[in-house]
Amino acid sequence: MSDDIPHKPAKWPGRKGIYLLPNLFTTGALFSGFYAVVASMNGHFESAAIAIFISMILDGFDGRVARMTNTQSDFGAEYDSLADMVSFGVAPALVAFSWALQDLGKVGWVAAFVYVAGAALRLARFNTQLAVADKNFFTGLASPAAAAIVAGTVWAFSESGMPGGDIAWLMALIVPGAGLLMVSNFRYHSFKGLDLKGKVPFVALLAVVMVFVVVSIDPAKVLLGAFMAYALSGPGFEGWQFIKARRKK
């Protein structure tokens, strides 16, 4: 008898509406990542690399805006994760492949795939451990930082006029290396504990101004150096902890 009772179709959750502001930033980040792929296909590698950095900036805003305006949602979290996969997973790998790795044949596309797989696994692990993870640290290099290393290398060398084919083997080490750091167990500071709402000393504002000045001198090289240092901080910290433990014995 129960089979004869008509069932009402389930309502699509989207009918309830979504929060516009944080998802606008996520869409902007996704657009920048997609633009990076298109620009690299057309040979505009500097523009492609810069687009990935713009995507990083927009991605950094969407979560903070959502928390500040109390507009967090499951939809926003899933959308952000998918956008990150495009902007910081697929886009950097394709930009690096189009610029340098394609000259290496199978070695090149395998190196690019290792990076893409690393980004996918990194995002999946982050999403599943979100409730139990230490908010102050990331396990493995965050995908935006890994993307900054790849994009920064392309930007710095292409800006200097060096063809990607000349450093193809170097890229074959950097790209999969960044991918492996994403799935490593190295701990990286997340900087999520920074209080952007509270008052800070005047010197802190002066330090921010100096950061902008230093970056403006040579954005490509300065940003690449900064993110390279951050990427090495994980294994460096673990190595230091290992040495300290051995000394205690």
Protein backbone atom coordinates (compact mmCIF):
# COMPACT_ATOMS: atom_id res chain seq x y z
CA MET A 1 0.00 0.00 0.00
CA SER A 2 2.80 2.41 0.80
CA ASP A 3 4.08 2.11 -2.78
CA ASP A 4 0.90 3.77 -4.02
CA ILE A 5 1.53 6.95 -2.03
CA PRO A 6 3.15 9.59 -4.24
CA HIS A 7 6.48 10.87 -2.92
CA LYS A 8 7.28 14.55 -3.04
CA PRO A 9 10.51 15.28 -4.89
CA ALA A 10 13.34 16.34 -2.61
CA LYS A 11 14.09 20.03 -2.75
CA TRP A 12 17.46 21.00 -4.12
CA PRO A 13 19.45 22.66 -1.31
CA GLY A 14 20.31 25.47 -3.68
CA ARG A 15 16.73 26.77 -3.39
CA LYS A 16 17.61 27.93 0.09
CA GLY A 17 20.13 30.29 -1.47
CA ILE A 18 23.87 30.73 -1.03
CA TYR A 19 25.97 33.48 0.49
CA LEU A 20 27.11 35.84 -2.25
CA LEU A 21 30.12 37.67 -0.82
CA PRO A 22 32.54 34.84 0.06
CA ASN A 23 31.56 32.87 -3.04
CA LEU A 24 32.36 35.91 -5.20
CA PHE A 25 35.95 35.75 -3.98
CA THR A 26 36.02 31.99 -4.63
CA THR A 27 34.69 32.54 -8.16
CA GLY A 28 37.33 35.20 -8.75
CA ALA A 29 40.04 32.78 -7.61
CA LEU A 30 38.63 30.09 -9.91
CA PHE A 31 38.54 32.53 -12.83
CA SER A 32 42.16 33.53 -12.24
CA GLY A 33 43.23 29.88 -12.20
CA PHE A 34 41.36 29.17 -15.42
CA TYR A 35 42.83 32.30 -17.01
CA ALA A 36 46.31 31.06 -16.10
CA VAL A 37 45.70 27.89 -18.11
CA VAL A 38 44.41 29.83 -21.12
CA ALA A 39 47.28 32.34 -20.95
CA SER A 40 49.88 29.56 -20.85
CA MET A 41 48.27 27.89 -23.88
CA ASN A 42 48.74 31.17 -25.74
CA GLY A 43 52.36 31.51 -24.62
CA HIS A 44 51.79 34.32 -22.09
CA PHE A 45 53.62 32.66 -19.23
CA GLU A 46 54.26 35.76 -17.12
CA SER A 47 50.57 36.61 -17.17
CA ALA A 48 49.71 33.01 -16.32
CA ALA A 49 52.02 33.01 -13.30
CA ILE A 50 50.72 36.37 -12.07
CA ALA A 51 47.14 35.09 -12.42
CA ILE A 52 47.95 32.21 -10.06
CA PHE A 53 49.26 34.68 -7.47
CA ILE A 54 46.07 36.76 -7.86
CA SER A 55 44.09 33.58 -7.29
CA MET A 56 46.04 33.06 -4.06
CA ILE A 57 45.09 36.52 -2.83
CA LEU A 58 41.41 36.00 -3.60
CA ASP A 59 41.47 32.54 -2.02
CA GLY A 60 42.90 34.03 1.14
CA PHE A 61 40.03 36.50 1.34
CA ASP A 62 37.06 34.17 0.85
CA GLY A 63 37.51 32.19 4.08
CA ARG A 64 38.30 35.25 6.17
CA VAL A 65 35.34 37.16 4.73
CA ALA A 66 33.05 34.21 5.45
CA ARG A 67 34.21 34.06 9.08
CA MET A 68 34.06 37.83 9.60
CA THR A 69 30.53 38.09 8.16
CA ASN A 70 29.37 34.77 9.66
CA THR A 71 28.51 33.42 6.21
CA GLN A 72 30.25 30.02 6.38
CA SER A 73 28.42 27.17 4.69
CA ASP A 74 28.99 23.60 3.52
CA PHE A 75 28.43 24.77 -0.04
CA GLY A 76 31.11 27.44 0.29
CA ALA A 77 33.60 24.96 1.73
CA GLU A 78 33.04 22.47 -1.10
CA TYR A 79 33.13 25.18 -3.75
CA ASP A 80 36.36 26.56 -2.32
CA SER A 81 37.97 23.11 -2.36
CA LEU A 82 37.03 22.53 -6.01
CA ALA A 83 38.29 25.99 -6.97
CA ASP A 84 41.58 25.29 -5.16
CA MET A 85 42.02 22.10 -7.17
CA VAL A 86 41.76 24.09 -10.40
CA SER A 87 43.77 27.15 -9.34
CA PHE A 88 46.50 25.48 -7.27
CA GLY A 89 46.47 21.95 -8.67
CA VAL A 90 45.71 21.83 -12.37
CA ALA A 91 46.71 25.38 -13.37
CA PRO A 92 50.31 25.42 -12.03
CA ALA A 93 50.99 21.96 -13.49
CA LEU A 94 49.71 22.95 -16.93
CA VAL A 95 51.56 26.27 -16.88
CA ALA A 96 54.81 24.49 -15.98
CA PHE A 97 54.17 21.81 -18.59
CA SER A 98 53.44 24.33 -21.36
CA TRP A 99 56.49 26.42 -20.45
CA ALA A 100 59.16 23.78 -19.88
CA LEU A 101 58.12 20.22 -19.12
CA GLN A 102 56.67 19.37 -22.52
CA ASP A 103 60.21 19.33 -23.92
CA LEU A 104 60.96 16.27 -21.76
CA GLY A 105 58.25 14.06 -23.24
CA LYS A 106 56.93 11.41 -20.84
CA VAL A 107 59.15 12.62 -18.02
CA GLY A 108 57.54 16.05 -18.32
CA TRP A 109 53.93 15.00 -18.13
CA VAL A 110 54.65 12.50 -15.35
CA ALA A 111 56.30 15.28 -13.34
CA ALA A 112 53.24 17.50 -13.90
CA PHE A 113 50.89 14.66 -12.95
CA VAL A 114 52.76 14.01 -9.69
CA TYR A 115 52.08 17.63 -8.78
CA VAL A 116 48.38 17.40 -9.69
CA ALA A 117 47.96 14.15 -7.74
CA GLY A 118 49.76 15.68 -4.76
CA ALA A 119 47.40 18.67 -4.78
CA ALA A 120 44.32 16.42 -4.98
CA LEU A 121 45.52 14.20 -2.13
CA ARG A 122 46.52 17.24 -0.06
CA LEU A 123 43.06 18.80 -0.39
CA ALA A 124 41.30 15.50 0.34
CA ARG A 125 43.37 14.95 3.48
CA PHE A 126 42.82 18.52 4.62
CA ASN A 127 39.03 18.23 4.21
CA THR A 128 38.82 14.93 6.10
CA GLN A 129 41.01 16.12 8.99
CA LEU A 130 39.47 19.58 9.29
CA ALA A 131 37.65 18.81 12.56
CA VAL A 132 40.67 17.32 14.37
CA ALA A 133 43.65 19.15 12.87
CA ASP A 134 45.69 21.73 14.79
CA LYS A 135 44.52 25.11 13.51
CA ASN A 136 47.98 26.63 13.93
CA PHE A 137 49.74 24.15 11.66
CA PHE A 138 49.24 22.48 8.29
CA THR A 139 50.25 18.88 7.74
CA GLY A 140 52.07 19.05 4.42
CA LEU A 141 52.71 22.13 2.32
CA ALA A 142 49.49 24.02 1.58
CA SER A 143 48.46 23.89 -2.08
CA PRO A 144 48.57 27.72 -2.57
CA ALA A 145 52.18 27.77 -1.33
CA ALA A 146 53.11 24.88 -3.63
CA ALA A 147 51.44 26.71 -6.53
CA ALA A 148 53.43 29.85 -5.64
CA ILE A 149 56.70 27.92 -5.95
CA VAL A 150 55.82 26.59 -9.40
CA ALA A 151 54.29 29.83 -10.66
CA GLY A 152 57.06 31.92 -9.09
CA THR A 153 59.73 29.89 -10.87
CA VAL A 154 57.97 30.32 -14.21
CA TRP A 155 57.47 34.04 -13.57
CA ALA A 156 61.06 34.74 -12.45
CA PHE A 157 62.78 32.90 -15.31
CA SER A 158 60.39 33.92 -18.09
CA GLU A 159 60.65 37.56 -16.96
CA SER A 160 64.43 37.35 -17.38
CA GLY A 161 63.94 36.05 -20.93
CA MET A 162 65.11 32.50 -20.33
CA PRO A 163 63.22 29.86 -22.35
CA GLY A 164 61.61 27.15 -20.29
CA GLY A 165 63.36 24.45 -22.28
CA ASP A 166 66.72 25.61 -20.89
CA ILE A 167 65.73 24.67 -17.35
CA ALA A 168 63.34 21.83 -18.16
CA TRP A 169 65.22 19.36 -15.96
CA LEU A 170 65.23 21.81 -13.05
CA MET A 171 61.45 22.14 -13.41
CA ALA A 172 61.23 18.34 -13.53
CA LEU A 173 62.62 18.42 -9.99
CA ILE A 174 60.78 21.46 -8.62
CA VAL A 175 57.27 20.57 -9.83
CA PRO A 176 57.01 17.00 -8.47
CA GLY A 177 59.03 18.09 -5.43
CA ALA A 178 56.32 20.61 -4.57
CA GLY A 179 53.72 17.90 -5.12
CA LEU A 180 55.47 15.53 -2.71
CA LEU A 181 55.80 18.24 -0.07
CA MET A 182 52.02 18.66 -0.18
CA VAL A 183 51.46 15.02 0.82
CA SER A 184 54.34 14.92 3.30
CA ASN A 185 53.89 14.87 7.07
CA PHE A 186 56.02 17.98 7.56
CA ARG A 187 54.33 20.61 9.70
CA TYR A 188 53.96 24.16 8.40
CA HIS A 189 52.76 27.17 10.36
CA SER A 190 49.29 28.20 9.15
CA PHE A 191 49.37 31.81 10.49
CA LYS A 192 45.66 31.42 11.27
CA GLY A 193 46.31 32.58 14.80
CA LEU A 194 47.02 36.13 13.63
CA ASP A 195 44.48 38.53 15.08
CA LEU A 196 43.58 40.94 12.29
CA LYS A 197 40.81 42.61 14.30
CA GLY A 198 42.79 43.60 17.38
CA LYS A 199 45.13 46.52 17.88
CA VAL A 200 48.80 46.17 16.95
CA PRO A 201 51.87 48.32 17.70
CA PHE A 202 52.72 51.06 15.23
CA VAL A 203 55.91 49.17 14.36
CA ALA A 204 53.79 46.32 12.97
CA LEU A 205 52.22 48.64 10.43
CA LEU A 206 55.66 49.92 9.50
CA ALA A 207 56.79 46.32 8.98
CA VAL A 208 53.87 45.70 6.61
CA VAL A 209 54.82 48.77 4.61
CA MET A 210 58.42 47.52 4.37
CA VAL A 211 57.19 44.15 3.13
CA PHE A 212 55.33 45.86 0.30
CA VAL A 213 58.41 47.93 -0.52
CA VAL A 214 60.68 44.87 -0.67
CA VAL A 215 58.20 42.91 -2.80
CA SER A 216 57.79 45.83 -5.22
CA ILE A 217 61.55 45.86 -5.94
CA ASP A 218 61.35 42.55 -7.82
CA PRO A 219 58.02 40.79 -7.20
CA ALA A 220 58.86 37.58 -9.06
CA LYS A 221 62.16 36.85 -7.32
CA VAL A 222 61.11 38.10 -3.88
CA LEU A 223 57.89 36.07 -3.82
CA LEU A 224 59.67 32.99 -5.15
CA GLY A 225 62.36 33.32 -2.48
CA ALA A 226 59.79 33.81 0.29
CA PHE A 227 57.72 30.77 -0.66
CA MET A 228 60.82 28.64 -1.22
CA ALA A 229 61.94 29.52 2.31
CA TYR A 230 58.48 28.64 3.63
CA ALA A 231 58.53 25.31 1.78
CA LEU A 232 61.92 24.46 3.28
CA SER A 233 60.81 25.48 6.78
CA GLY A 234 58.81 22.25 7.14
CA PRO A 235 61.66 19.78 6.59
CA GLY A 236 64.04 22.19 8.34
CA PHE A 237 61.88 22.23 11.49
CA GLU A 238 61.52 18.44 11.48
CA GLY A 239 65.27 18.05 11.04
CA TRP A 240 65.94 20.40 13.93
CA GLN A 241 63.51 18.48 16.15
CA PHE A 242 65.23 15.22 15.20
CA ILE A 243 68.67 16.62 16.08
CA LYS A 244 67.39 17.93 19.43
CA ALA A 245 65.90 14.54 20.24
CA ARG A 246 69.14 12.78 19.41
CA ARG A 247 71.14 15.17 21.62
CA LYS A 248 68.88 14.45 24.60
CA LYS A 249 69.66 10.76 24.28
